[in-house]
Every structure is written in C-alpha cells, then in structure tokens.
C-alpha cells in the first residue's frame, strides 16, 4: 500500500525538464515519434495502417485519460495540458517542483494478467521508494470506459529524465510528467532510451 511518506528532500528539476506542452502539442509530439525517414522504403521501418491507427488512438486515449491522485486527504484529477492547483499545492507541501504519474501495468499497452500487473507495480513502487521519493497512490482511467483503469503512483520530485528512464524500464509507451508549472504533459517514450 502506498502512503505519503515523510517530507521529501528538495528535488529541483533541471530547466530542460519543464517543457510545458498543450493538449494539441502532446498529441502532435506523440504521433511524430514514428515518422518514417526520407529515402528509399525500408521494409522494417514501414508502418502498417493498423499500427498507425493504433498509435493515433492510443495517443488520443492517453491525452483524454483522467490521472486520479487518491493518496491525499482530498483526491484530485490530473489532465494533460491543464494546470492543477492541487498538484501545485502538493509541490509546496512536499518541497518539490516536479512530479511524474507512473504505472507498471500493461507494458506496451498490451493487457497482461492481473497477477503480473500487480507484481510489476509492486516492483515499481519498491524501486521508487528505495530512491527516497514520496509516492501518492493514483489510478489512470479512461473516462469513456473503453480501457480498464490502472493502479498508478504520483511520484513527487522525480525529474523528467529519471521519470523517462523508469517508464522505459517498465515497458511504458508514455508517462505523464509535470514541471514547476504543475501542468501535466504526456511524454511519449522511445524504447531505445
């Protein structure tokens, strides 16, 4: 079970970690991650229409999701591209200026058995706790109900580069990161690092 642990140490984020993205920018950035290079076609680089459609619908689903933070006395919802006064207050209360909303469920957006997802989430939380970070319980949810919700954590004080590393390590296609402006951004992860 996740608890709001003792006050975290001040964890300033690098200036380049706070690139705010609008709702549209997040979707454009997400879909631009798999552009086919110019030159003669190379079969291993060509996307099928199904893959392109899956990527676009996944990115749209990620942008539309509700990222619920439940591990606080007053739960709140983060939305990509929308300022969050509650997140800004959590920053002040915990002496941090950045955060990441992470899950280990369903790597590569491929449904996994619940037992595997729970074990992966436990490993994620153990790793983050060992780093001395404050974790707040959360739940990522598709408001349309088309995709089942996923237990998650809001990690206070986690830099963007470290959040990307952790997301990749747990096979995630994207994470939600917020800088000092407390505006959640969708960060699409390349699996190469």
Protein backbone atom coordinates (compact mmCIF):
# COMPACT_ATOMS: atom_id res chain seq x y z
CA UNK A 1 0.00 0.00 0.00
CA UNK A 2 1.28 3.45 -0.85
CA UNK A 3 1.46 6.08 1.81
CA UNK A 4 2.50 9.68 1.80
CA UNK A 5 5.94 9.15 3.33
CA UNK A 6 7.94 11.67 5.34
CA UNK A 7 8.65 15.01 3.72
CA UNK A 8 10.89 14.54 0.71
CA UNK A 9 14.16 16.35 0.30
CA UNK A 10 14.08 19.33 -2.04
CA UNK A 11 14.42 17.88 -5.53
CA UNK A 12 14.83 20.67 -8.05
CA UNK A 13 14.21 19.72 -11.66
CA UNK A 14 16.55 20.82 -14.42
CA UNK A 15 15.34 23.69 -16.56
CA UNK A 16 15.11 21.44 -19.62
CA UNK A 17 12.79 19.12 -17.70
CA UNK A 18 9.96 21.66 -17.62
CA UNK A 19 8.86 21.91 -21.24
CA UNK A 20 5.14 22.51 -20.96
CA UNK A 21 3.03 21.03 -23.75
CA UNK A 22 -0.51 21.89 -24.67
CA UNK A 23 -3.14 19.23 -25.30
CA UNK A 24 -2.60 19.51 -29.08
CA UNK A 25 1.20 19.66 -28.74
CA UNK A 26 1.14 16.42 -26.74
CA UNK A 27 -0.81 14.64 -29.45
CA UNK A 28 1.41 16.03 -32.22
CA UNK A 29 4.56 15.08 -30.32
CA UNK A 30 3.16 11.63 -29.67
CA UNK A 31 2.29 10.92 -33.26
CA UNK A 32 5.58 12.35 -34.52
CA UNK A 33 7.67 9.76 -32.71
CA UNK A 34 7.33 7.19 -35.52
CA UNK A 35 7.89 9.23 -38.66
CA UNK A 36 9.41 7.19 -41.49
CA UNK A 37 12.76 8.63 -42.64
CA UNK A 38 13.17 10.01 -46.18
CA UNK A 39 14.85 7.89 -48.82
CA UNK A 40 14.08 4.52 -50.32
CA UNK A 41 11.50 2.48 -48.39
CA UNK A 42 12.97 0.08 -45.88
CA UNK A 43 10.52 -2.73 -45.04
CA UNK A 44 11.48 -2.86 -41.36
CA UNK A 45 10.67 0.85 -40.95
CA UNK A 46 7.33 0.96 -42.72
CA UNK A 47 4.23 1.16 -40.55
CA UNK A 48 1.11 -0.69 -41.42
CA UNK A 49 -2.14 1.26 -41.38
CA UNK A 50 -3.18 -0.80 -38.34
CA UNK A 51 -0.04 0.26 -36.43
CA UNK A 52 -0.52 3.91 -37.34
CA UNK A 53 -4.18 3.76 -36.33
CA UNK A 54 -3.26 2.05 -33.04
CA UNK A 55 -0.64 4.71 -32.30
CA UNK A 56 -3.04 7.58 -33.00
CA UNK A 57 -5.88 6.07 -30.99
CA UNK A 58 -3.52 5.21 -28.12
CA UNK A 59 -2.13 8.74 -28.03
CA UNK A 60 -5.65 10.19 -28.10
CA UNK A 61 -6.64 7.85 -25.25
CA UNK A 62 -3.58 8.85 -23.21
CA UNK A 63 -4.32 12.56 -23.69
CA UNK A 64 -8.00 12.09 -22.74
CA UNK A 65 -7.30 9.97 -19.64
CA UNK A 66 -8.05 11.02 -16.07
CA UNK A 67 -4.99 10.61 -13.85
CA UNK A 68 -6.54 10.37 -10.40
CA UNK A 69 -4.43 11.05 -7.32
CA UNK A 70 -6.12 9.21 -4.46
CA UNK A 71 -3.31 9.16 -1.88
CA UNK A 72 -4.15 12.58 -0.42
CA UNK A 73 -6.79 13.70 2.10
CA UNK A 74 -8.63 15.33 -0.81
CA UNK A 75 -8.21 13.30 -4.02
CA UNK A 76 -7.79 15.20 -7.29
CA UNK A 77 -7.54 14.54 -11.04
CA UNK A 78 -4.68 15.48 -13.35
CA UNK A 79 -5.39 16.09 -17.03
CA UNK A 80 -2.82 16.53 -19.77
CA UNK A 81 -2.33 20.20 -20.63
CA UNK A 82 -4.50 21.50 -17.76
CA UNK A 83 -2.97 23.42 -14.82
CA UNK A 84 -3.53 21.69 -11.49
CA UNK A 85 -3.74 23.89 -8.39
CA UNK A 86 -3.90 20.71 -6.28
CA UNK A 87 -0.62 19.49 -7.76
CA UNK A 88 0.98 22.90 -7.14
CA UNK A 89 -0.18 22.66 -3.51
CA UNK A 90 1.33 19.15 -3.22
CA UNK A 91 4.63 20.59 -4.52
CA UNK A 92 4.61 23.27 -1.82
CA UNK A 93 3.65 20.81 0.92
CA UNK A 94 6.45 18.42 -0.08
CA UNK A 95 9.11 20.97 -1.07
CA UNK A 96 9.43 19.75 -4.68
CA UNK A 97 8.86 21.32 -8.10
CA UNK A 98 8.17 18.35 -10.38
CA UNK A 99 6.41 15.01 -10.44
CA UNK A 100 5.56 12.01 -12.59
CA UNK A 101 2.42 9.89 -12.79
CA UNK A 102 3.62 6.33 -13.41
CA UNK A 103 2.30 2.80 -13.69
CA UNK A 104 3.81 -0.59 -14.44
CA UNK A 105 0.53 -2.09 -15.66
CA UNK A 106 0.11 -3.40 -19.20
CA UNK A 107 3.59 -2.76 -20.71
CA UNK A 108 3.43 -1.54 -24.31
CA UNK A 109 -0.33 -1.05 -23.78
CA UNK A 110 -0.83 -4.79 -24.11
CA UNK A 111 -3.18 -6.22 -21.45
CA UNK A 112 -1.46 -8.58 -19.00
CA UNK A 113 -2.89 -10.93 -16.37
CA UNK A 114 -3.68 -9.12 -13.12
CA UNK A 115 -1.11 -11.16 -11.15
CA UNK A 116 1.68 -10.00 -13.49
CA UNK A 117 0.49 -6.38 -13.39
CA UNK A 118 0.32 -6.37 -9.58
CA UNK A 119 3.83 -7.83 -9.29
CA UNK A 120 5.21 -5.27 -11.76
CA UNK A 121 3.51 -2.41 -9.90
CA UNK A 122 4.98 -3.64 -6.62
CA UNK A 123 8.48 -3.68 -8.18
CA UNK A 124 7.95 -0.14 -9.50
CA UNK A 125 6.86 1.16 -6.10
CA UNK A 126 9.73 -0.63 -4.36
CA UNK A 127 12.27 0.94 -6.74
CA UNK A 128 10.83 4.42 -6.31
CA UNK A 129 10.63 4.10 -2.52
CA UNK A 130 14.27 2.94 -2.43
CA UNK A 131 15.15 6.17 -4.24
CA UNK A 132 13.74 8.09 -1.26
CA UNK A 133 10.83 9.54 -3.23
CA UNK A 134 7.34 10.37 -1.94
CA UNK A 135 4.64 8.29 -3.64
CA UNK A 136 0.94 9.09 -3.66
CA UNK A 137 -1.49 6.39 -4.75
CA UNK A 138 -3.27 7.00 -8.02
CA UNK A 139 -5.34 5.47 -10.76
CA UNK A 140 -5.17 6.13 -14.50
CA UNK A 141 -8.61 5.89 -16.03
CA UNK A 142 -10.21 6.14 -19.45
CA UNK A 143 -13.28 8.36 -18.94
CA UNK A 144 -15.09 6.55 -21.77
CA UNK A 145 -14.55 3.18 -20.06
CA UNK A 146 -13.08 1.62 -23.22
CA UNK A 147 -9.83 0.72 -21.41
CA UNK A 148 -9.70 -0.63 -17.85
CA UNK A 149 -8.14 1.64 -15.23
CA UNK A 150 -4.62 1.06 -13.98
CA UNK A 151 -3.25 1.49 -10.46
CA UNK A 152 -0.55 4.14 -10.59
CA UNK A 153 1.51 6.46 -8.41
CA UNK A 154 2.20 10.17 -8.42
CA UNK A 155 5.92 10.44 -7.68
CA UNK A 156 6.87 13.78 -6.18
CA UNK A 157 10.30 15.21 -7.01
CA UNK A 158 11.11 12.89 -9.93
CA UNK A 159 12.94 14.68 -12.76
CA UNK A 160 11.73 14.22 -16.31
CA UNK A 161 14.84 12.31 -17.39
CA UNK A 162 14.57 9.94 -14.44
CA UNK A 163 10.81 9.51 -14.99
CA UNK A 164 11.50 8.61 -18.63
CA UNK A 165 14.13 6.07 -17.55
CA UNK A 166 11.76 4.43 -15.09
CA UNK A 167 8.90 4.42 -17.60
CA UNK A 168 11.09 2.71 -20.20
CA UNK A 169 12.37 0.19 -17.66
CA UNK A 170 8.77 -0.86 -17.02
CA UNK A 171 7.86 -1.01 -20.73
CA UNK A 172 5.57 2.01 -20.80
CA UNK A 173 4.87 3.78 -24.10
CA UNK A 174 4.20 7.11 -22.37
CA UNK A 175 4.23 8.76 -18.96
CA UNK A 176 2.74 11.91 -17.51
CA UNK A 177 5.26 14.41 -16.14
CA UNK A 178 4.76 17.85 -14.62
CA UNK A 179 7.30 20.58 -14.04
CA UNK A 180 7.14 23.58 -11.76
CA UNK A 181 4.10 24.98 -13.61
CA UNK A 182 2.06 21.95 -12.40
CA UNK A 183 0.72 21.38 -15.92
CA UNK A 184 0.80 17.65 -16.72
CA UNK A 185 2.48 16.71 -20.01
CA UNK A 186 2.20 13.48 -21.97
CA UNK A 187 5.75 12.28 -22.63
CA UNK A 188 5.98 9.63 -25.32
CA UNK A 189 8.89 7.29 -24.68
CA UNK A 190 11.20 5.87 -27.28
CA UNK A 191 12.12 2.37 -26.19
CA UNK A 192 15.76 2.88 -27.23
CA UNK A 193 16.42 5.39 -24.46
